[in-house]
C-alpha atoms as a PDB file:
ATOM      1  CA  UNK A   1      -3.521  -8.820  39.808  1.00  0.00           C
ATOM      2  CA  UNK A   2      -2.855 -11.391  42.515  1.00  0.00           C
ATOM      3  CA  UNK A   3      -5.242  -9.531  44.842  1.00  0.00           C
ATOM      4  CA  UNK A   4      -8.021  -9.655  42.229  1.00  0.00           C
ATOM      5  CA  UNK A   5      -7.499 -13.385  41.707  1.00  0.00           C
ATOM      6  CA  UNK A   6      -7.523 -13.861  45.468  1.00  0.00           C
ATOM      7  CA  UNK A   7     -10.968 -12.251  45.657  1.00  0.00           C
ATOM      8  CA  UNK A   8     -12.616 -13.430  42.418  1.00  0.00           C
ATOM      9  CA  UNK A   9     -12.085 -17.174  42.556  1.00  0.00           C
ATOM     10  CA  UNK A  10     -14.288 -20.242  42.940  1.00  0.00           C
ATOM     11  CA  UNK A  11     -14.455 -19.705  46.701  1.00  0.00           C
ATOM     12  CA  UNK A  12     -16.354 -16.450  46.142  1.00  0.00           C
ATOM     13  CA  UNK A  13     -19.112 -18.232  44.236  1.00  0.00           C
ATOM     14  CA  UNK A  14     -19.202 -21.105  46.726  1.00  0.00           C
ATOM     15  CA  UNK A  15     -19.778 -18.597  49.527  1.00  0.00           C
ATOM     16  CA  UNK A  16     -22.395 -16.845  47.388  1.00  0.00           C
ATOM     17  CA  UNK A  17     -24.539 -19.991  47.308  1.00  0.00           C
ATOM     18  CA  UNK A  18     -24.150 -20.580  51.043  1.00  0.00           C
ATOM     19  CA  UNK A  19     -24.834 -17.017  52.187  1.00  0.00           C
ATOM     20  CA  UNK A  20     -27.740 -16.548  49.774  1.00  0.00           C
ATOM     21  CA  UNK A  21     -29.560 -19.729  50.843  1.00  0.00           C
ATOM     22  CA  UNK A  22     -31.168 -18.453  54.094  1.00  0.00           C
ATOM     23  CA  UNK A  23     -32.222 -15.243  52.334  1.00  0.00           C
ATOM     24  CA  UNK A  24     -33.752 -17.205  49.445  1.00  0.00           C
ATOM     25  CA  UNK A  25     -35.670 -19.460  51.834  1.00  0.00           C
ATOM     26  CA  UNK A  26     -37.022 -16.540  53.852  1.00  0.00           C
ATOM     27  CA  UNK A  27     -37.844 -14.614  50.671  1.00  0.00           C
ATOM     28  CA  UNK A  28     -39.838 -17.576  49.312  1.00  0.00           C
ATOM     29  CA  UNK A  29     -41.877 -17.416  52.497  1.00  0.00           C
ATOM     30  CA  UNK A  30     -42.171 -13.638  52.331  1.00  0.00           C
ATOM     31  CA  UNK A  31     -43.524 -13.714  48.793  1.00  0.00           C
ATOM     32  CA  UNK A  32     -46.308 -16.058  49.952  1.00  0.00           C
ATOM     33  CA  UNK A  33     -47.574 -13.507  52.457  1.00  0.00           C
ATOM     34  CA  UNK A  34     -46.997 -10.693  49.974  1.00  0.00           C
ATOM     35  CA  UNK A  35     -49.112 -12.469  47.377  1.00  0.00           C
ATOM     36  CA  UNK A  36     -51.817 -12.909  50.018  1.00  0.00           C
ATOM     37  CA  UNK A  37     -51.803  -9.182  50.735  1.00  0.00           C
ATOM     38  CA  UNK A  38     -49.780  -9.221  53.966  1.00  0.00           C
ATOM     39  CA  UNK A  39     -46.601  -7.203  54.513  1.00  0.00           C
ATOM     40  CA  UNK A  40     -44.538  -9.471  56.736  1.00  0.00           C
ATOM     41  CA  UNK A  41     -41.506  -7.712  58.186  1.00  0.00           C
ATOM     42  CA  UNK A  42     -41.344 -10.182  61.076  1.00  0.00           C
ATOM     43  CA  UNK A  43     -39.267 -12.675  59.088  1.00  0.00           C
ATOM     44  CA  UNK A  44     -36.046 -11.663  60.828  1.00  0.00           C
ATOM     45  CA  UNK A  45     -37.484 -12.822  64.151  1.00  0.00           C
ATOM     46  CA  UNK A  46     -38.751 -16.035  62.559  1.00  0.00           C
ATOM     47  CA  UNK A  47     -35.286 -16.811  61.193  1.00  0.00           C
ATOM     48  CA  UNK A  48     -33.613 -16.061  64.528  1.00  0.00           C
ATOM     49  CA  UNK A  49     -36.048 -18.200  66.510  1.00  0.00           C
ATOM     50  CA  UNK A  50     -35.662 -21.045  64.010  1.00  0.00           C
ATOM     51  CA  UNK A  51     -31.872 -20.852  64.247  1.00  0.00           C
ATOM     52  CA  UNK A  52     -31.925 -21.091  68.045  1.00  0.00           C
ATOM     53  CA  UNK A  53     -34.453 -23.924  68.189  1.00  0.00           C
ATOM     54  CA  UNK A  54     -32.540 -25.884  65.522  1.00  0.00           C
ATOM     55  CA  UNK A  55     -29.298 -25.674  67.506  1.00  0.00           C
ATOM     56  CA  UNK A  56     -30.988 -26.449  70.823  1.00  0.00           C
ATOM     57  CA  UNK A  57     -32.731 -29.593  69.569  1.00  0.00           C
ATOM     58  CA  UNK A  58     -29.779 -30.719  67.461  1.00  0.00           C
ATOM     59  CA  UNK A  59     -27.616 -30.518  70.589  1.00  0.00           C
ATOM     60  CA  UNK A  60     -30.184 -32.096  72.915  1.00  0.00           C
ATOM     61  CA  UNK A  61     -31.207 -34.950  70.592  1.00  0.00           C
ATOM     62  CA  UNK A  62     -27.888 -35.368  68.716  1.00  0.00           C
ATOM     63  CA  UNK A  63     -29.818 -35.141  65.455  1.00  0.00           C
ATOM     64  CA  UNK A  64     -29.783 -32.478  62.764  1.00  0.00           C
ATOM     65  CA  UNK A  65     -33.131 -33.739  61.431  1.00  0.00           C
ATOM     66  CA  UNK A  66     -34.726 -33.192  64.834  1.00  0.00           C
ATOM     67  CA  UNK A  67     -33.312 -29.676  64.899  1.00  0.00           C
ATOM     68  CA  UNK A  68     -34.808 -28.912  61.475  1.00  0.00           C
ATOM     69  CA  UNK A  69     -38.209 -30.338  62.452  1.00  0.00           C
ATOM     70  CA  UNK A  70     -38.200 -28.299  65.652  1.00  0.00           C
ATOM     71  CA  UNK A  71     -37.303 -25.138  63.697  1.00  0.00           C
ATOM     72  CA  UNK A  72     -40.183 -25.783  61.272  1.00  0.00           C
ATOM     73  CA  UNK A  73     -42.646 -26.339  64.121  1.00  0.00           C
ATOM     74  CA  UNK A  74     -41.428 -23.129  65.730  1.00  0.00           C
ATOM     75  CA  UNK A  75     -41.950 -21.344  62.413  1.00  0.00           C
ATOM     76  CA  UNK A  76     -45.494 -22.682  62.130  1.00  0.00           C
ATOM     77  CA  UNK A  77     -46.274 -21.498  65.656  1.00  0.00           C
ATOM     78  CA  UNK A  78     -44.932 -17.998  64.978  1.00  0.00           C
ATOM     79  CA  UNK A  79     -46.728 -17.908  61.609  1.00  0.00           C
ATOM     80  CA  UNK A  80     -50.018 -18.741  63.315  1.00  0.00           C
ATOM     81  CA  UNK A  81     -49.363 -16.100  65.965  1.00  0.00           C
ATOM     82  CA  UNK A  82     -48.653 -13.488  63.288  1.00  0.00           C
ATOM     83  CA  UNK A  83     -51.760 -14.411  61.287  1.00  0.00           C
ATOM     84  CA  UNK A  84     -53.942 -14.443  64.403  1.00  0.00           C
ATOM     85  CA  UNK A  85     -53.171 -10.821  65.180  1.00  0.00           C
ATOM     86  CA  UNK A  86     -52.896  -9.504  61.625  1.00  0.00           C
ATOM     87  CA  UNK A  87     -55.723 -11.419  59.940  1.00  0.00           C
ATOM     88  CA  UNK A  88     -58.132 -12.301  62.750  1.00  0.00           C
ATOM     89  CA  UNK A  89     -57.724  -9.316  65.066  1.00  0.00           C
ATOM     90  CA  UNK A  90     -56.775  -6.936  62.202  1.00  0.00           C
ATOM     91  CA  UNK A  91     -53.814  -5.481  64.072  1.00  0.00           C
ATOM     92  CA  UNK A  92     -51.239  -3.365  62.266  1.00  0.00           C
ATOM     93  CA  UNK A  93     -48.942  -5.780  60.406  1.00  0.00           C
ATOM     94  CA  UNK A  94     -45.940  -3.451  60.726  1.00  0.00           C
ATOM     95  CA  UNK A  95     -46.264  -3.248  64.519  1.00  0.00           C
ATOM     96  CA  UNK A  96     -46.806  -6.995  64.904  1.00  0.00           C
ATOM     97  CA  UNK A  97     -43.814  -7.734  62.663  1.00  0.00           C
ATOM     98  CA  UNK A  98     -41.523  -5.437  64.629  1.00  0.00           C
ATOM     99  CA  UNK A  99     -42.831  -6.894  67.886  1.00  0.00           C
ATOM    100  CA  UNK A 100     -41.951 -10.385  66.656  1.00  0.00           C
ATOM    101  CA  UNK A 101     -38.417  -9.303  65.777  1.00  0.00           C
ATOM    102  CA  UNK A 102     -37.890  -7.629  69.146  1.00  0.00           C
ATOM    103  CA  UNK A 103     -39.430 -10.530  71.078  1.00  0.00           C
ATOM    104  CA  UNK A 104     -37.367 -13.163  69.225  1.00  0.00           C
ATOM    105  CA  UNK A 105     -34.167 -11.207  69.820  1.00  0.00           C
ATOM    106  CA  UNK A 106     -34.791 -10.858  73.551  1.00  0.00           C
ATOM    107  CA  UNK A 107     -36.118 -14.390  74.050  1.00  0.00           C
ATOM    108  CA  UNK A 108     -33.194 -16.106  72.318  1.00  0.00           C
ATOM    109  CA  UNK A 109     -30.709 -14.100  74.402  1.00  0.00           C
ATOM    110  CA  UNK A 110     -32.547 -15.063  77.599  1.00  0.00           C
ATOM    111  CA  UNK A 111     -32.806 -18.755  76.670  1.00  0.00           C
ATOM    112  CA  UNK A 112     -29.177 -18.888  75.560  1.00  0.00           C
ATOM    113  CA  UNK A 113     -28.037 -17.648  78.960  1.00  0.00           C
ATOM    114  CA  UNK A 114     -30.546 -19.546  81.076  1.00  0.00           C
ATOM    115  CA  UNK A 115     -30.347 -22.931  79.295  1.00  0.00           C
ATOM    116  CA  UNK A 116     -26.739 -23.086  78.107  1.00  0.00           C
ATOM    117  CA  UNK A 117     -25.207 -20.612  80.540  1.00  0.00           C
ATOM    118  CA  UNK A 118     -23.283 -18.684  77.897  1.00  0.00           C
ATOM    119  CA  UNK A 119     -23.331 -15.168  76.506  1.00  0.00           C
ATOM    120  CA  UNK A 120     -22.934 -14.215  72.874  1.00  0.00           C
ATOM    121  CA  UNK A 121     -22.256 -17.568  71.197  1.00  0.00           C
ATOM    122  CA  UNK A 122     -23.056 -21.202  71.891  1.00  0.00           C
ATOM    123  CA  UNK A 123     -20.946 -23.776  70.084  1.00  0.00           C
ATOM    124  CA  UNK A 124     -20.355 -27.390  71.005  1.00  0.00           C
ATOM    125  CA  UNK A 125     -19.173 -30.629  69.466  1.00  0.00           C
ATOM    126  CA  UNK A 126     -22.577 -32.013  70.460  1.00  0.00           C
ATOM    127  CA  UNK A 127     -24.338 -29.876  67.825  1.00  0.00           C
ATOM    128  CA  UNK A 128     -24.962 -32.084  64.798  1.00  0.00           C
ATOM    129  CA  UNK A 129     -24.625 -30.142  61.550  1.00  0.00           C
ATOM    130  CA  UNK A 130     -26.710 -30.622  58.425  1.00  0.00           C
ATOM    131  CA  UNK A 131     -25.268 -33.223  56.046  1.00  0.00           C
ATOM    132  CA  UNK A 132     -22.948 -32.078  53.268  1.00  0.00           C
ATOM    133  CA  UNK A 133     -23.665 -33.389  49.774  1.00  0.00           C
ATOM    134  CA  UNK A 134     -20.831 -34.644  47.564  1.00  0.00           C
ATOM    135  CA  UNK A 135     -21.594 -35.888  44.042  1.00  0.00           C
ATOM    136  CA  UNK A 136     -18.675 -37.944  42.766  1.00  0.00           C
ATOM    137  CA  UNK A 137     -19.137 -37.476  39.022  1.00  0.00           C
ATOM    138  CA  UNK A 138     -18.977 -33.680  39.417  1.00  0.00           C
ATOM    139  CA  UNK A 139     -15.349 -33.956  40.530  1.00  0.00           C
ATOM    140  CA  UNK A 140     -14.283 -34.403  36.912  1.00  0.00           C
ATOM    141  CA  UNK A 141     -15.978 -31.177  35.773  1.00  0.00           C
ATOM    142  CA  UNK A 142     -13.808 -28.058  36.205  1.00  0.00           C
ATOM    143  CA  UNK A 143     -15.356 -25.113  38.080  1.00  0.00           C
ATOM    144  CA  UNK A 144     -18.806 -26.738  38.231  1.00  0.00           C
ATOM    145  CA  UNK A 145     -17.593 -29.569  40.450  1.00  0.00           C
ATOM    146  CA  UNK A 146     -16.026 -27.407  43.189  1.00  0.00           C
ATOM    147  CA  UNK A 147     -18.978 -24.994  42.992  1.00  0.00           C
ATOM    148  CA  UNK A 148     -21.785 -27.530  43.376  1.00  0.00           C
ATOM    149  CA  UNK A 149     -20.077 -30.080  45.618  1.00  0.00           C
ATOM    150  CA  UNK A 150     -19.738 -30.118  49.406  1.00  0.00           C
ATOM    151  CA  UNK A 151     -22.635 -27.806  50.187  1.00  0.00           C
ATOM    152  CA  UNK A 152     -25.298 -28.173  52.853  1.00  0.00           C
ATOM    153  CA  UNK A 153     -28.282 -30.171  51.667  1.00  0.00           C
ATOM    154  CA  UNK A 154     -30.428 -27.043  52.044  1.00  0.00           C
ATOM    155  CA  UNK A 155     -28.538 -25.333  49.218  1.00  0.00           C
ATOM    156  CA  UNK A 156     -29.931 -27.908  46.785  1.00  0.00           C
ATOM    157  CA  UNK A 157     -33.357 -28.112  48.425  1.00  0.00           C
ATOM    158  CA  UNK A 158     -33.682 -24.335  48.069  1.00  0.00           C
ATOM    159  CA  UNK A 159     -33.416 -24.507  44.272  1.00  0.00           C
ATOM    160  CA  UNK A 160     -36.247 -27.045  44.209  1.00  0.00           C
ATOM    161  CA  UNK A 161     -38.331 -24.875  46.521  1.00  0.00           C
ATOM    162  CA  UNK A 162     -38.022 -21.908  44.149  1.00  0.00           C
ATOM    163  CA  UNK A 163     -39.494 -24.001  41.332  1.00  0.00           C
ATOM    164  CA  UNK A 164     -42.098 -25.519  43.664  1.00  0.00           C
ATOM    165  CA  UNK A 165     -43.155 -22.038  44.834  1.00  0.00           C
ATOM    166  CA  UNK A 166     -43.658 -20.900  41.233  1.00  0.00           C
ATOM    167  CA  UNK A 167     -45.707 -23.996  40.392  1.00  0.00           C
ATOM    168  CA  UNK A 168     -47.786 -23.621  43.555  1.00  0.00           C
ATOM    169  CA  UNK A 169     -48.598 -19.946  42.960  1.00  0.00           C
ATOM    170  CA  UNK A 170     -49.227 -20.014  39.221  1.00  0.00           C
ATOM    171  CA  UNK A 171     -50.257 -23.564  38.391  1.00  0.00           C
ATOM    172  CA  UNK A 172     -52.475 -24.736  41.261  1.00  0.00           C
ATOM    173  CA  UNK A 173     -55.964 -23.678  42.405  1.00  0.00           C
ATOM    174  CA  UNK A 174     -54.703 -23.044  45.950  1.00  0.00           C
ATOM    175  CA  UNK A 175     -52.018 -20.699  44.632  1.00  0.00           C
ATOM    176  CA  UNK A 176     -54.617 -18.859  42.557  1.00  0.00           C
ATOM    177  CA  UNK A 177     -56.834 -18.468  45.634  1.00  0.00           C
ATOM    178  CA  UNK A 178     -53.886 -17.170  47.628  1.00  0.00           C
ATOM    179  CA  UNK A 179     -53.117 -14.522  45.021  1.00  0.00           C
ATOM    180  CA  UNK A 180     -56.792 -13.640  44.821  1.00  0.00           C
ATOM    181  CA  UNK A 181     -56.872 -13.213  48.615  1.00  0.00           C
ATOM    182  CA  UNK A 182     -54.365 -10.403  48.203  1.00  0.00           C
ATOM    183  CA  UNK A 183     -55.699  -8.810  45.019  1.00  0.00           C
ATOM    184  CA  UNK A 184     -59.473  -9.447  45.022  1.00  0.00           C
ATOM    185  CA  UNK A 185     -60.559 -10.790  48.433  1.00  0.00           C
ATOM    186  CA  UNK A 186     -64.235  -9.918  47.934  1.00  0.00           C
ATOM    187  CA  UNK A 187     -64.381 -11.773  44.618  1.00  0.00           C
ATOM    188  CA  UNK A 188     -62.734 -14.780  46.252  1.00  0.00           C
ATOM    189  CA  UNK A 189     -65.265 -14.693  49.070  1.00  0.00           C
ATOM    190  CA  UNK A 190     -68.078 -14.544  46.505  1.00  0.00           C
ATOM    191  CA  UNK A 191     -66.666 -17.746  44.991  1.00  0.00           C
ATOM    192  CA  UNK A 192     -67.023 -19.462  48.364  1.00  0.00           C
ATOM    193  CA  UNK A 193     -63.340 -19.410  49.378  1.00  0.00           C
ATOM    194  CA  UNK A 194     -62.350 -17.727  52.628  1.00  0.00           C
ATOM    195  CA  UNK A 195     -59.635 -15.051  52.097  1.00  0.00           C
ATOM    196  CA  UNK A 196     -58.767 -15.326  55.799  1.00  0.00           C
ATOM    197  CA  UNK A 197     -57.918 -19.026  55.434  1.00  0.00           C
ATOM    198  CA  UNK A 198     -55.651 -18.242  52.490  1.00  0.00           C
ATOM    199  CA  UNK A 199     -53.897 -15.547  54.493  1.00  0.00           C
ATOM    200  CA  UNK A 200     -53.448 -17.977  57.407  1.00  0.00           C
ATOM    201  CA  UNK A 201     -52.005 -20.553  54.987  1.00  0.00           C
ATOM    202  CA  UNK A 202     -49.607 -17.975  53.532  1.00  0.00           C
ATOM    203  CA  UNK A 203     -48.416 -17.002  57.011  1.00  0.00           C
ATOM    204  CA  UNK A 204     -47.880 -20.653  57.981  1.00  0.00           C
ATOM    205  CA  UNK A 205     -45.898 -21.324  54.776  1.00  0.00           C
ATOM    206  CA  UNK A 206     -43.803 -18.244  55.517  1.00  0.00           C
ATOM    207  CA  UNK A 207     -43.112 -19.566  59.021  1.00  0.00           C
ATOM    208  CA  UNK A 208     -42.075 -22.970  57.654  1.00  0.00           C
ATOM    209  CA  UNK A 209     -39.655 -21.481  55.123  1.00  0.00           C
ATOM    210  CA  UNK A 210     -38.201 -19.060  57.675  1.00  0.00           C
ATOM    211  CA  UNK A 211     -37.733 -22.055  59.986  1.00  0.00           C
ATOM    212  CA  UNK A 212     -35.758 -23.750  57.210  1.00  0.00           C
ATOM    213  CA  UNK A 213     -33.734 -20.550  56.771  1.00  0.00           C
ATOM    214  CA  UNK A 214     -32.886 -20.441  60.477  1.00  0.00           C
ATOM    215  CA  UNK A 215     -31.957 -24.128  60.526  1.00  0.00           C
ATOM    216  CA  UNK A 216     -29.616 -23.686  57.562  1.00  0.00           C
ATOM    217  CA  UNK A 217     -28.063 -20.610  59.145  1.00  0.00           C
ATOM    218  CA  UNK A 218     -27.196 -22.328  62.435  1.00  0.00           C
ATOM    219  CA  UNK A 219     -26.687 -25.942  61.289  1.00  0.00           C
ATOM    220  CA  UNK A 220     -25.638 -25.601  57.650  1.00  0.00           C
ATOM    221  CA  UNK A 221     -23.831 -22.320  57.113  1.00  0.00           C
ATOM    222  CA  UNK A 222     -22.438 -22.343  60.675  1.00  0.00           C
ATOM    223  CA  UNK A 223     -22.629 -24.933  63.427  1.00  0.00           C
ATOM    224  CA  UNK A 224     -23.412 -22.652  66.336  1.00  0.00           C
ATOM    225  CA  UNK A 225     -25.837 -20.053  67.564  1.00  0.00           C
ATOM    226  CA  UNK A 226     -24.875 -16.407  67.988  1.00  0.00           C
ATOM    227  CA  UNK A 227     -27.041 -13.678  69.445  1.00  0.00           C
ATOM    228  CA  UNK A 228     -28.681 -11.762  66.608  1.00  0.00           C
ATOM    229  CA  UNK A 229     -27.222 -14.115  64.004  1.00  0.00           C
ATOM    230  CA  UNK A 230     -30.101 -13.453  61.587  1.00  0.00           C
ATOM    231  CA  UNK A 231     -28.297 -10.115  61.062  1.00  0.00           C
ATOM    232  CA  UNK A 232     -31.244  -8.406  59.302  1.00  0.00           C
ATOM    233  CA  UNK A 233     -31.549 -11.190  56.717  1.00  0.00           C
ATOM    234  CA  UNK A 234     -35.305 -11.097  57.192  1.00  0.00           C
ATOM    235  CA  UNK A 235     -35.413  -7.440  56.167  1.00  0.00           C
ATOM    236  CA  UNK A 236     -33.160  -8.146  53.195  1.00  0.00           C
ATOM    237  CA  UNK A 237     -35.432 -11.036  52.195  1.00  0.00           C
ATOM    238  CA  UNK A 238     -38.390  -8.641  52.367  1.00  0.00           C
ATOM    239  CA  UNK A 239     -36.515  -6.187  50.120  1.00  0.00           C
ATOM    240  CA  UNK A 240     -35.841  -9.038  47.660  1.00  0.00           C
ATOM    241  CA  UNK A 241     -39.573  -9.834  47.618  1.00  0.00           C
ATOM    242  CA  UNK A 242     -40.428  -6.220  46.798  1.00  0.00           C
ATOM    243  CA  UNK A 243     -37.659  -5.927  44.198  1.00  0.00           C
ATOM    244  CA  UNK A 244     -38.660  -9.237  42.575  1.00  0.00           C
ATOM    245  CA  UNK A 245     -42.367  -8.282  42.618  1.00  0.00           C
ATOM    246  CA  UNK A 246     -43.156 -11.432  44.639  1.00  0.00           C
ATOM    247  CA  UNK A 247     -42.257 -13.610  41.625  1.00  0.00           C
ATOM    248  CA  UNK A 248     -40.172 -16.673  42.705  1.00  0.00           C
ATOM    249  CA  UNK A 249     -37.503 -16.614  39.931  1.00  0.00           C
ATOM    250  CA  UNK A 250     -37.011 -12.849  40.198  1.00  0.00           C
ATOM    251  CA  UNK A 251     -36.867 -12.994  44.000  1.00  0.00           C
ATOM    252  CA  UNK A 252     -34.339 -15.837  43.724  1.00  0.00           C
ATOM    253  CA  UNK A 253     -32.062 -13.716  41.519  1.00  0.00           C
ATOM    254  CA  UNK A 254     -32.357 -10.737  43.885  1.00  0.00           C
ATOM    255  CA  UNK A 255     -31.372 -12.957  46.829  1.00  0.00           C
ATOM    256  CA  UNK A 256     -28.430 -14.340  44.850  1.00  0.00           C
ATOM    257  CA  UNK A 257     -27.253 -10.765  44.321  1.00  0.00           C
ATOM    258  CA  UNK A 258     -27.290 -10.248  48.083  1.00  0.00           C
ATOM    259  CA  UNK A 259     -25.381 -13.506  48.596  1.00  0.00           C
ATOM    260  CA  UNK A 260     -22.763 -12.423  46.067  1.00  0.00           C
ATOM    261  CA  UNK A 261     -22.261  -9.015  47.702  1.00  0.00           C
ATOM    262  CA  UNK A 262     -22.116 -10.556  51.174  1.00  0.00           C
ATOM    263  CA  UNK A 263     -19.532 -13.099  50.036  1.00  0.00           C
ATOM    264  CA  UNK A 264     -17.616 -10.380  48.156  1.00  0.00           C
ATOM    265  CA  UNK A 265     -17.461  -8.283  51.309  1.00  0.00           C
ATOM    266  CA  UNK A 266     -15.917 -11.173  53.213  1.00  0.00           C
ATOM    267  CA  UNK A 267     -13.349 -11.790  50.467  1.00  0.00           C
ATOM    268  CA  UNK A 268     -12.398  -8.120  50.250  1.00  0.00           C
ATOM    269  CA  UNK A 269     -11.437  -8.207  53.922  1.00  0.00           C
ATOM    270  CA  UNK A 270      -8.666 -10.659  53.013  1.00  0.00           C
ATOM    271  CA  UNK A 271      -6.954  -8.016  50.844  1.00  0.00           C
ATOM    272  CA  UNK A 272      -6.915  -5.363  53.554  1.00  0.00           C
ATOM    273  CA  UNK A 273     -10.202  -3.504  53.039  1.00  0.00           C
ATOM    274  CA  UNK A 274     -11.761  -2.650  56.447  1.00  0.00           C
ATOM    275  CA  UNK A 275     -14.616  -4.923  57.507  1.00  0.00           C
ATOM    276  CA  UNK A 276     -16.718  -1.909  58.550  1.00  0.00           C
ATOM    277  CA  UNK A 277     -16.775  -0.882  54.889  1.00  0.00           C
ATOM    278  CA  UNK A 278     -17.204  -4.277  53.235  1.00  0.00           C
ATOM    279  CA  UNK A 279     -20.046  -5.337  55.546  1.00  0.00           C
ATOM    280  CA  UNK A 280     -22.164  -2.460  54.251  1.00  0.00           C
ATOM    281  CA  UNK A 281     -22.240  -3.756  50.645  1.00  0.00           C
ATOM    282  CA  UNK A 282     -25.375  -5.956  51.003  1.00  0.00           C
ATOM    283  CA  UNK A 283     -27.275  -3.207  52.792  1.00  0.00           C
ATOM    284  CA  UNK A 284     -26.318  -0.577  50.231  1.00  0.00           C
ATOM    285  CA  UNK A 285     -27.635  -2.940  47.557  1.00  0.00           C
ATOM    286  CA  UNK A 286     -30.854  -3.396  49.549  1.00  0.00           C
ATOM    287  CA  UNK A 287     -31.412   0.364  49.741  1.00  0.00           C
ATOM    288  CA  UNK A 288     -30.724   0.708  46.001  1.00  0.00           C
ATOM    289  CA  UNK A 289     -33.228  -2.088  45.315  1.00  0.00           C
ATOM    290  CA  UNK A 290     -35.952  -0.259  47.226  1.00  0.00           C
ATOM    291  CA  UNK A 291     -35.123   3.083  45.598  1.00  0.00           C
ATOM    292  CA  UNK A 292     -35.380   1.435  42.180  1.00  0.00           C
ATOM    293  CA  UNK A 293     -38.758  -0.068  43.067  1.00  0.00           C
ATOM    294  CA  UNK A 294     -40.096   3.295  44.281  1.00  0.00           C
ATOM    295  CA  UNK A 295     -38.880   5.137  41.153  1.00  0.00           C
ATOM    296  CA  UNK A 296     -40.121   2.410  38.795  1.00  0.00           C
ATOM    297  CA  UNK A 297     -43.530   2.316  40.493  1.00  0.00           C
ATOM    298  CA  UNK A 298     -43.816   6.101  40.338  1.00  0.00           C
ATOM    299  CA  UNK A 299     -42.953   6.151  36.625  1.00  0.00           C
ATOM    300  CA  UNK A 300     -45.389   3.330  35.944  1.00  0.00           C
ATOM    301  CA  UNK A 301     -48.160   5.234  37.739  1.00  0.00           C
ATOM    302  CA  UNK A 302     -47.396   8.379  35.742  1.00  0.00           C
ATOM    303  CA  UNK A 303     -47.499   6.462  32.447  1.00  0.00           C
ATOM    304  CA  UNK A 304     -50.817   4.856  33.373  1.00  0.00           C
ATOM    305  CA  UNK A 305     -52.286   8.236  34.348  1.00  0.00           C
ATOM    306  CA  UNK A 306     -51.003   9.820  31.118  1.00  0.00           C
ATOM    307  CA  UNK A 307     -52.484   7.016  29.040  1.00  0.00           C
ATOM    308  CA  UNK A 308     -55.820   7.325  30.820  1.00  0.00           C
ATOM    309  CA  UNK A 309     -55.791  11.091  30.192  1.00  0.00           C
ATOM    310  CA  UNK A 310     -55.079  10.549  26.489  1.00  0.00           C
ATOM    311  CA  UNK A 311     -57.985   8.103  26.243  1.00  0.00           C
ATOM    312  CA  UNK A 312     -60.310  10.525  28.037  1.00  0.00           C
ATOM    313  CA  UNK A 313     -59.271  13.420  25.775  1.00  0.00           C
ATOM    314  CA  UNK A 314     -59.813  11.265  22.710  1.00  0.00           C
ATOM    315  CA  UNK A 315     -63.313  10.338  23.825  1.00  0.00           C
ATOM    316  CA  UNK A 316     -64.106  13.976  24.641  1.00  0.00           C
ATOM    317  CA  UNK A 317     -62.908  15.199  21.222  1.00  0.00           C
ATOM    318  CA  UNK A 318     -65.087  12.645  19.500  1.00  0.00           C
END
């Protein structure tokens, strides 16, 4: 009983919010490109590059805000690069995405060793972390107070971004054009709106949000940079986008599930369960998500085909 209480306590849910935040941010960016008809699996590289740039500029300028701005600018640059090859040059989006991930992994390792002269991890008292938010009146509320207090500012910003993403996609003309660029590009072009511009915009927004994710990872969740610290979060964010059907609230819930399993894995290590086993929980959930999507899509296609056949037979009999 004591072991269960040690695992399932308020700390588990605090860690859930913190570990889910970078995945939510990246997934909000991934659903933008997905809605625009682009499969972006290069988000892991975007997150990693953003994390390194955030730490580098935070350390150099002694400012967390500068680190975040630099990470966003880096994300915009990578987003433009991705869109240039995928949209303008019509290169294979899978190959370009994997190339981005590989390039970001190698480049950050090289820069870490050449600039800071360290291998593996760079940590320093000179790295300025993101501010932690404490709301005094929440202290008097049991459970809610400890859960919502003393988190990185990006935890709260992320919740607003989920709502803002939904409003943008479903309540603004630009969001409608972006969805049309993915679903009916020729109709959009007939209306005088360039589908390519919408795809470029989606890729830039994805870069910005992945930059935020990287900045939170290295300045909010941790205050350091570690080689490969994105740890496949970009791929998990992509799985959340597919599982949530590129709908912001559903994607948010899928990312929260990942955060819970990741935090649960860390807590289970404290009661003697091997880390090699607990660290697989989020990835097992990711695979199950994708299997569910494949099965659900297949069943939906069968039902649609069966319904169409019934309609055709009815018309023929008449």
